[in-house]
N, C-alpha and C. Protein backbone atom coordinates (compact mmCIF):
# COMPACT_ATOMS: atom_id res chain seq x y z
N MET A 1 7.05 27.97 -22.15
CA MET A 1 8.30 27.18 -21.39
C MET A 1 8.36 26.18 -22.53
N ALA A 2 9.79 26.15 -22.52
CA ALA A 2 9.86 25.15 -23.67
C ALA A 2 9.97 23.53 -22.98
N LYS A 3 9.77 22.70 -23.97
CA LYS A 3 9.36 21.09 -23.09
C LYS A 3 11.07 20.55 -23.09
N GLN A 4 11.10 20.19 -21.80
CA GLN A 4 12.30 19.51 -21.82
C GLN A 4 12.59 18.22 -21.73
N PRO A 5 13.40 17.15 -22.52
CA PRO A 5 13.16 15.74 -22.53
C PRO A 5 13.65 15.05 -21.23
N ASN A 6 12.85 14.05 -20.99
CA ASN A 6 13.13 13.23 -19.69
C ASN A 6 12.91 14.14 -18.69
N LYS A 7 12.19 15.38 -18.27
CA LYS A 7 11.21 15.89 -17.25
C LYS A 7 9.59 15.95 -17.49
N THR A 8 9.32 16.26 -16.47
CA THR A 8 7.76 15.96 -15.94
C THR A 8 7.42 17.67 -16.41
N GLN A 9 5.78 17.87 -16.23
CA GLN A 9 5.65 19.06 -16.52
C GLN A 9 5.97 19.86 -14.90
N SER A 10 6.06 18.99 -14.01
CA SER A 10 6.25 19.62 -12.69
C SER A 10 8.20 19.76 -12.55
N GLY A 11 8.84 19.12 -13.52
CA GLY A 11 10.10 19.33 -13.39
C GLY A 11 10.73 18.28 -12.95
N THR A 12 10.17 17.06 -12.70
CA THR A 12 10.65 16.17 -12.07
C THR A 12 11.81 15.33 -13.12
N ASN A 13 12.71 14.71 -12.62
CA ASN A 13 13.87 14.17 -13.64
C ASN A 13 13.48 13.04 -13.64
N VAL A 14 12.91 12.30 -14.87
CA VAL A 14 11.76 11.17 -14.93
C VAL A 14 12.96 9.86 -15.29
N GLN A 15 14.55 10.35 -15.84
CA GLN A 15 15.70 9.08 -15.67
C GLN A 15 15.97 9.09 -14.05
N GLU A 16 15.92 10.49 -13.48
CA GLU A 16 16.31 9.98 -11.86
C GLU A 16 15.82 9.18 -11.33
N VAL A 17 14.28 9.58 -11.54
CA VAL A 17 13.08 8.71 -10.86
C VAL A 17 13.27 7.21 -11.12
N ARG A 18 13.34 6.83 -12.17
CA ARG A 18 13.41 5.38 -12.73
C ARG A 18 15.09 4.81 -12.10
N GLN A 19 15.91 5.58 -12.03
CA GLN A 19 17.24 5.27 -11.68
C GLN A 19 16.74 4.85 -9.52
N GLN A 20 16.22 5.73 -9.08
CA GLN A 20 16.04 5.48 -7.78
C GLN A 20 14.94 3.98 -7.40
N ASN A 21 14.30 4.07 -8.44
CA ASN A 21 13.31 2.80 -8.32
C ASN A 21 13.95 1.61 -8.70
N ALA A 22 14.77 1.47 -9.72
CA ALA A 22 15.52 0.59 -10.17
C ALA A 22 16.87 0.02 -8.78
N GLN A 23 17.27 0.83 -8.00
CA GLN A 23 18.21 1.08 -6.91
C GLN A 23 17.24 0.29 -5.76
N SER A 24 16.14 0.90 -5.68
CA SER A 24 15.42 0.35 -4.15
C SER A 24 14.46 -0.98 -4.93
N ALA A 25 14.41 -1.42 -5.78
CA ALA A 25 13.66 -2.42 -5.72
C ALA A 25 14.98 -3.36 -5.47
N GLY A 26 16.05 -3.49 -5.61
CA GLY A 26 17.15 -4.61 -5.01
C GLY A 26 17.19 -4.71 -3.41
N GLN A 27 16.69 -3.66 -2.17
CA GLN A 27 16.33 -3.75 -1.40
C GLN A 27 15.02 -3.86 -0.75
N GLY A 28 15.74 -4.77 0.41
CA GLY A 28 13.82 -5.29 0.94
C GLY A 28 12.96 -4.12 1.53
N GLN A 29 11.52 -4.36 0.51
CA GLN A 29 10.75 -3.22 0.87
C GLN A 29 9.95 -3.70 1.49
N TYR A 30 8.92 -2.76 2.48
CA TYR A 30 8.25 -3.25 3.80
C TYR A 30 6.95 -3.47 3.14
N GLY A 31 6.54 -3.71 1.52
CA GLY A 31 5.48 -4.08 1.20
C GLY A 31 5.67 -5.70 1.24
N THR A 32 6.23 -6.09 0.70
CA THR A 32 6.78 -7.62 0.49
C THR A 32 7.33 -8.05 1.79
N GLU A 33 8.28 -7.32 2.87
CA GLU A 33 8.71 -7.93 3.80
C GLU A 33 7.30 -8.18 4.97
N PHE A 34 6.15 -7.74 5.14
CA PHE A 34 5.21 -7.62 5.94
C PHE A 34 4.33 -8.35 5.26
N ALA A 35 4.10 -8.72 4.34
CA ALA A 35 3.23 -9.24 2.88
C ALA A 35 3.83 -10.90 3.45
N SER A 36 4.76 -11.12 3.73
CA SER A 36 5.48 -12.22 3.86
C SER A 36 4.92 -13.43 5.28
N GLU A 37 4.89 -11.98 6.16
CA GLU A 37 4.80 -12.16 7.52
C GLU A 37 3.15 -12.54 7.59
N THR A 38 2.18 -12.07 6.89
CA THR A 38 0.93 -12.28 7.07
C THR A 38 -0.06 -13.21 6.91
N ASN A 39 -0.27 -14.00 7.83
CA ASN A 39 -1.67 -15.05 7.63
C ASN A 39 -2.97 -14.44 7.25
N VAL A 40 -3.03 -14.21 5.99
CA VAL A 40 -4.20 -14.01 5.46
C VAL A 40 -5.50 -14.91 5.78
N GLN A 41 -5.46 -15.80 5.87
CA GLN A 41 -6.53 -16.42 6.28
C GLN A 41 -6.80 -15.95 7.87
N GLU A 42 -6.08 -15.57 8.56
CA GLU A 42 -6.29 -15.51 9.87
C GLU A 42 -6.84 -14.00 10.18
N VAL A 43 -6.20 -13.30 8.92
CA VAL A 43 -7.02 -11.82 8.79
C VAL A 43 -8.48 -11.86 8.78
N LYS A 44 -8.58 -12.97 7.71
CA LYS A 44 -10.07 -12.60 6.77
C LYS A 44 -11.06 -13.22 7.99
N GLU A 45 -10.76 -14.33 9.13
CA GLU A 45 -11.63 -14.85 10.01
C GLU A 45 -11.28 -13.78 10.87
N ARG A 46 -10.50 -12.99 11.55
CA ARG A 46 -11.07 -11.98 12.28
C ARG A 46 -11.43 -10.65 11.77
N ASN A 47 -11.36 -10.36 10.54
CA ASN A 47 -12.29 -9.58 9.78
C ASN A 47 -13.79 -9.90 9.76
N ALA A 48 -13.78 -11.51 9.82
CA ALA A 48 -15.65 -11.89 9.53
C ALA A 48 -15.72 -11.65 11.02
N ARG A 49 -15.17 -12.07 12.39
CA ARG A 49 -15.38 -11.66 13.43
C ARG A 49 -15.79 -10.60 13.92
N ALA A 50 -14.99 -9.36 13.43
CA ALA A 50 -15.26 -8.40 13.96
C ALA A 50 -16.59 -7.78 13.08
N GLU A 51 -16.98 -8.17 11.74
CA GLU A 51 -18.12 -7.43 11.30
C GLU A 51 -19.49 -8.37 12.06
N ALA A 52 -19.48 -9.61 12.45
CA ALA A 52 -20.07 -10.50 13.32
C ALA A 52 -20.85 -9.54 14.59
N GLN A 53 -19.78 -9.52 15.02
CA GLN A 53 -19.73 -8.49 16.49
C GLN A 53 -20.55 -7.01 16.59
N LYS A 54 -19.75 -6.46 15.07
CA LYS A 54 -20.43 -5.21 14.73
C LYS A 54 -21.84 -5.16 14.82
N GLY A 55 -22.34 -6.25 13.77
CA GLY A 55 -23.91 -6.23 14.06
C GLY A 55 -24.38 -6.26 15.06
N LYS A 56 -23.65 -7.38 16.14
CA LYS A 56 -24.70 -7.28 17.18
C LYS A 56 -24.78 -6.49 18.20
N ASN A 57 -23.39 -5.46 18.28
CA ASN A 57 -23.25 -4.15 18.90
C ASN A 57 -24.39 -2.92 18.43
N SER A 58 -24.85 -2.97 17.01
CA SER A 58 -25.50 -1.76 16.42
C SER A 58 -26.86 -1.65 16.58
N GLY A 59 -27.47 -2.23 17.49
CA GLY A 59 -28.77 -2.39 17.86
C GLY A 59 -28.82 -1.67 19.11
N TYR A 60 -29.92 -0.64 19.45
CA TYR A 60 -29.81 -0.32 20.26
C TYR A 60 -30.93 -0.59 21.39
N SER A 61 -30.95 -0.20 22.86
CA SER A 61 -31.78 -0.57 23.87
C SER A 61 -32.43 0.52 23.93
N LYS A 62 -33.84 0.46 24.16
CA LYS A 62 -35.07 1.80 24.31
C LYS A 62 -35.06 1.35 25.87
């Protein structure tokens, strides 16, 4: 099979993908939208509490 420029081995058009990525970069992406609403400190505290609780619950009674 002859190698075609701007195409991957699976036949993806590289230029088309780059164009789509450039277009979607201007639109509100989920990652950035939700990241701005996330309170990192609160998440860390909840994770720490859950981890501590998990340690208490892991002991089995006889």
